[in-house]
Protein backbone atom coordinates (compact mmCIF):
# COMPACT_ATOMS: atom_id res chain seq x y z
CA MET A 1 -86.36 -82.13 20.58
CA SER A 2 -88.47 -83.63 17.62
CA LEU A 3 -89.65 -86.24 18.80
CA ASP A 4 -91.14 -87.52 22.06
CA VAL A 5 -89.55 -90.85 22.68
CA SER A 6 -90.67 -93.09 25.51
CA PRO A 7 -88.88 -94.82 27.66
CA ALA A 8 -89.31 -98.32 26.11
CA LEU A 9 -88.14 -96.71 22.99
CA LEU A 10 -84.86 -95.28 24.36
CA ALA A 11 -84.31 -98.80 26.07
CA GLN A 12 -84.50 -100.27 22.55
CA ALA A 13 -82.07 -97.51 21.18
CA ALA A 14 -80.19 -98.43 24.07
CA HIS A 15 -79.81 -102.18 22.92
CA GLY A 16 -79.21 -101.26 18.91
CA GLU A 17 -82.24 -102.89 17.92
CA VAL A 18 -85.57 -100.46 17.37
CA ASP A 19 -88.77 -101.90 16.01
CA GLU A 20 -89.69 -99.74 13.33
CA ALA A 21 -93.40 -100.02 14.05
CA ASP A 22 -92.45 -98.36 17.63
CA PHE A 23 -90.36 -95.96 15.98
CA VAL A 24 -93.03 -94.97 13.28
CA GLU A 25 -95.83 -94.55 16.18
CA THR A 26 -93.51 -92.69 18.03
CA VAL A 27 -92.87 -90.09 14.47
CA ARG A 28 -97.10 -90.23 13.91
CA ALA A 29 -97.40 -89.05 17.91
CA SER A 30 -95.01 -86.51 17.74
CA LEU A 31 -95.14 -85.18 14.38
CA PRO A 32 -98.63 -85.56 13.67
CA TYR A 33 -99.21 -82.94 10.61
CA ALA A 34 -95.94 -84.73 8.84
CA TYR A 35 -97.29 -87.92 9.67
CA GLN A 36 -100.40 -86.96 8.04
CA VAL A 37 -99.35 -85.49 4.81
CA VAL A 38 -97.65 -88.64 4.15
CA ALA A 39 -100.54 -90.73 5.13
CA GLY A 40 -102.90 -89.09 2.98
CA LEU A 41 -100.39 -88.77 -0.20
CA SER A 42 -99.99 -92.83 0.26
CA SER A 43 -103.93 -92.99 0.44
CA GLU A 44 -104.42 -90.87 -2.60
CA LEU A 45 -100.84 -92.35 -4.77
CA ALA A 46 -102.83 -95.75 -4.17
CA ALA A 47 -106.02 -94.86 -5.43
CA THR A 48 -104.63 -93.68 -9.12
CA ASP A 49 -102.70 -94.15 -11.86
CA GLU A 50 -100.27 -90.95 -11.46
CA GLU A 51 -97.06 -91.66 -11.42
CA PHE A 52 -96.72 -88.79 -8.43
CA VAL A 53 -99.16 -87.03 -6.24
CA ASN A 54 -98.03 -84.20 -4.25
CA ASP A 55 -99.10 -81.71 -1.64
CA ASN A 56 -98.52 -77.88 -1.67
CA THR A 57 -100.75 -76.84 1.10
CA THR A 58 -99.25 -73.32 2.61
CA PRO A 59 -98.74 -74.91 6.59
CA THR A 60 -98.70 -72.95 9.76
CA ASP A 61 -94.96 -72.30 11.10
CA GLU A 62 -95.20 -75.41 13.54
CA GLU A 63 -96.35 -77.54 11.07
CA ARG A 64 -93.57 -76.57 8.52
CA ALA A 65 -91.72 -77.37 11.50
CA GLN A 66 -92.57 -80.80 11.69
CA LEU A 67 -92.40 -81.51 8.03
CA LEU A 68 -88.84 -79.98 7.97
CA ARG A 69 -88.00 -82.32 11.03
CA ALA A 70 -89.71 -85.72 9.51
CA LEU A 71 -88.15 -85.23 6.04
CA ALA A 72 -84.75 -83.83 6.54
CA SER A 73 -84.14 -86.66 9.11
CA ASN A 74 -83.01 -90.01 7.22
CA ALA A 75 -84.09 -92.10 9.73
CA ILE A 76 -87.36 -90.64 9.98
CA ARG A 77 -88.08 -89.79 6.21
CA GLY A 78 -86.88 -93.69 5.39
CA SER A 79 -89.45 -95.18 8.36
CA LEU A 80 -92.22 -93.34 6.75
CA GLU A 81 -91.19 -94.15 3.13
CA ARG A 82 -90.87 -97.98 4.46
CA HIS A 83 -94.01 -97.64 6.45
CA PHE A 84 -96.17 -96.43 3.54
CA ASP A 85 -94.48 -97.87 0.57
CA VAL A 86 -93.87 -94.38 -1.03
CA THR A 87 -91.09 -92.67 -2.04
CA LEU A 88 -91.08 -88.53 -0.53
CA ALA A 89 -89.57 -85.90 -2.55
CA PHE A 90 -89.35 -82.56 -0.45
CA VAL A 91 -89.51 -78.82 -2.08
CA ASN A 92 -89.44 -75.58 -0.94
CA CYS A 93 -90.23 -76.54 2.84
CA HIS A 94 -93.63 -77.79 2.46
CA ARG A 95 -94.30 -79.39 -1.31
CA VAL A 96 -93.87 -83.16 -0.18
CA GLY A 97 -94.19 -85.25 -3.06
CA ALA A 98 -95.06 -89.33 -3.46
CA PHE A 99 -93.74 -91.49 -5.96
CA ARG A 100 -94.04 -95.06 -6.15
CA PRO A 101 -90.87 -96.79 -4.70
CA GLY A 102 -88.38 -97.19 -7.73
CA ALA A 103 -89.27 -93.89 -8.77
CA GLU A 104 -86.24 -91.65 -8.54
CA THR A 105 -84.97 -92.81 -11.70
CA SER A 106 -88.02 -91.61 -13.66
CA GLU A 107 -88.59 -88.16 -15.39
CA ALA A 108 -91.05 -87.54 -13.17
CA TYR A 109 -89.11 -87.49 -10.08
CA ARG A 110 -86.31 -86.26 -11.48
CA GLU A 111 -88.56 -83.12 -12.67
CA PHE A 112 -90.00 -82.57 -9.24
CA THR A 113 -86.34 -82.57 -7.26
CA SER A 114 -84.80 -80.79 -10.19
CA LEU A 115 -82.76 -77.39 -9.80
CA HIS A 116 -85.29 -75.86 -11.92
CA ASN A 117 -88.56 -76.90 -9.93
CA GLN A 118 -87.05 -75.66 -6.76
CA ILE A 119 -86.42 -72.45 -8.38
CA ARG A 120 -89.45 -71.87 -9.61
CA ASN A 121 -90.90 -73.06 -6.06
CA GLN A 122 -89.79 -70.30 -4.30
CA SER A 123 -91.44 -67.21 -3.13
CA PRO A 124 -90.79 -63.84 -1.26
CA GLU A 125 -92.82 -65.09 1.68
CA LEU A 126 -91.27 -68.61 2.32
CA ARG A 127 -87.94 -67.08 1.86
CA SER A 128 -86.75 -67.82 5.64
CA CYS A 129 -88.43 -71.32 5.67
């Protein structure tokens, strides 16, 4: 299981309404590395005029697994984007980009998420990630 969900959050889900702040707190506690990466990128983006910032730190296998779980899940990713007011992009198992909301139509976002950028970010040691 990717999240350590409390009985209270399970009860919220059973009733069909989940407080997003409670969900984000669950993500923070369950996937701390992924949460910290997004939080750090959010702070960095807020402090610059650049179109985006990115983290290309090679994580441990456990850290990579957290990034994959967080960014491959629409619910988790969307909640993190709303919580931190960013648009996230993800390349090759660990390169995370944080863009300003609405950037999906920008040249920088299209380049970051392009096929040729994915290929350029490949490396033999990350092939099975």
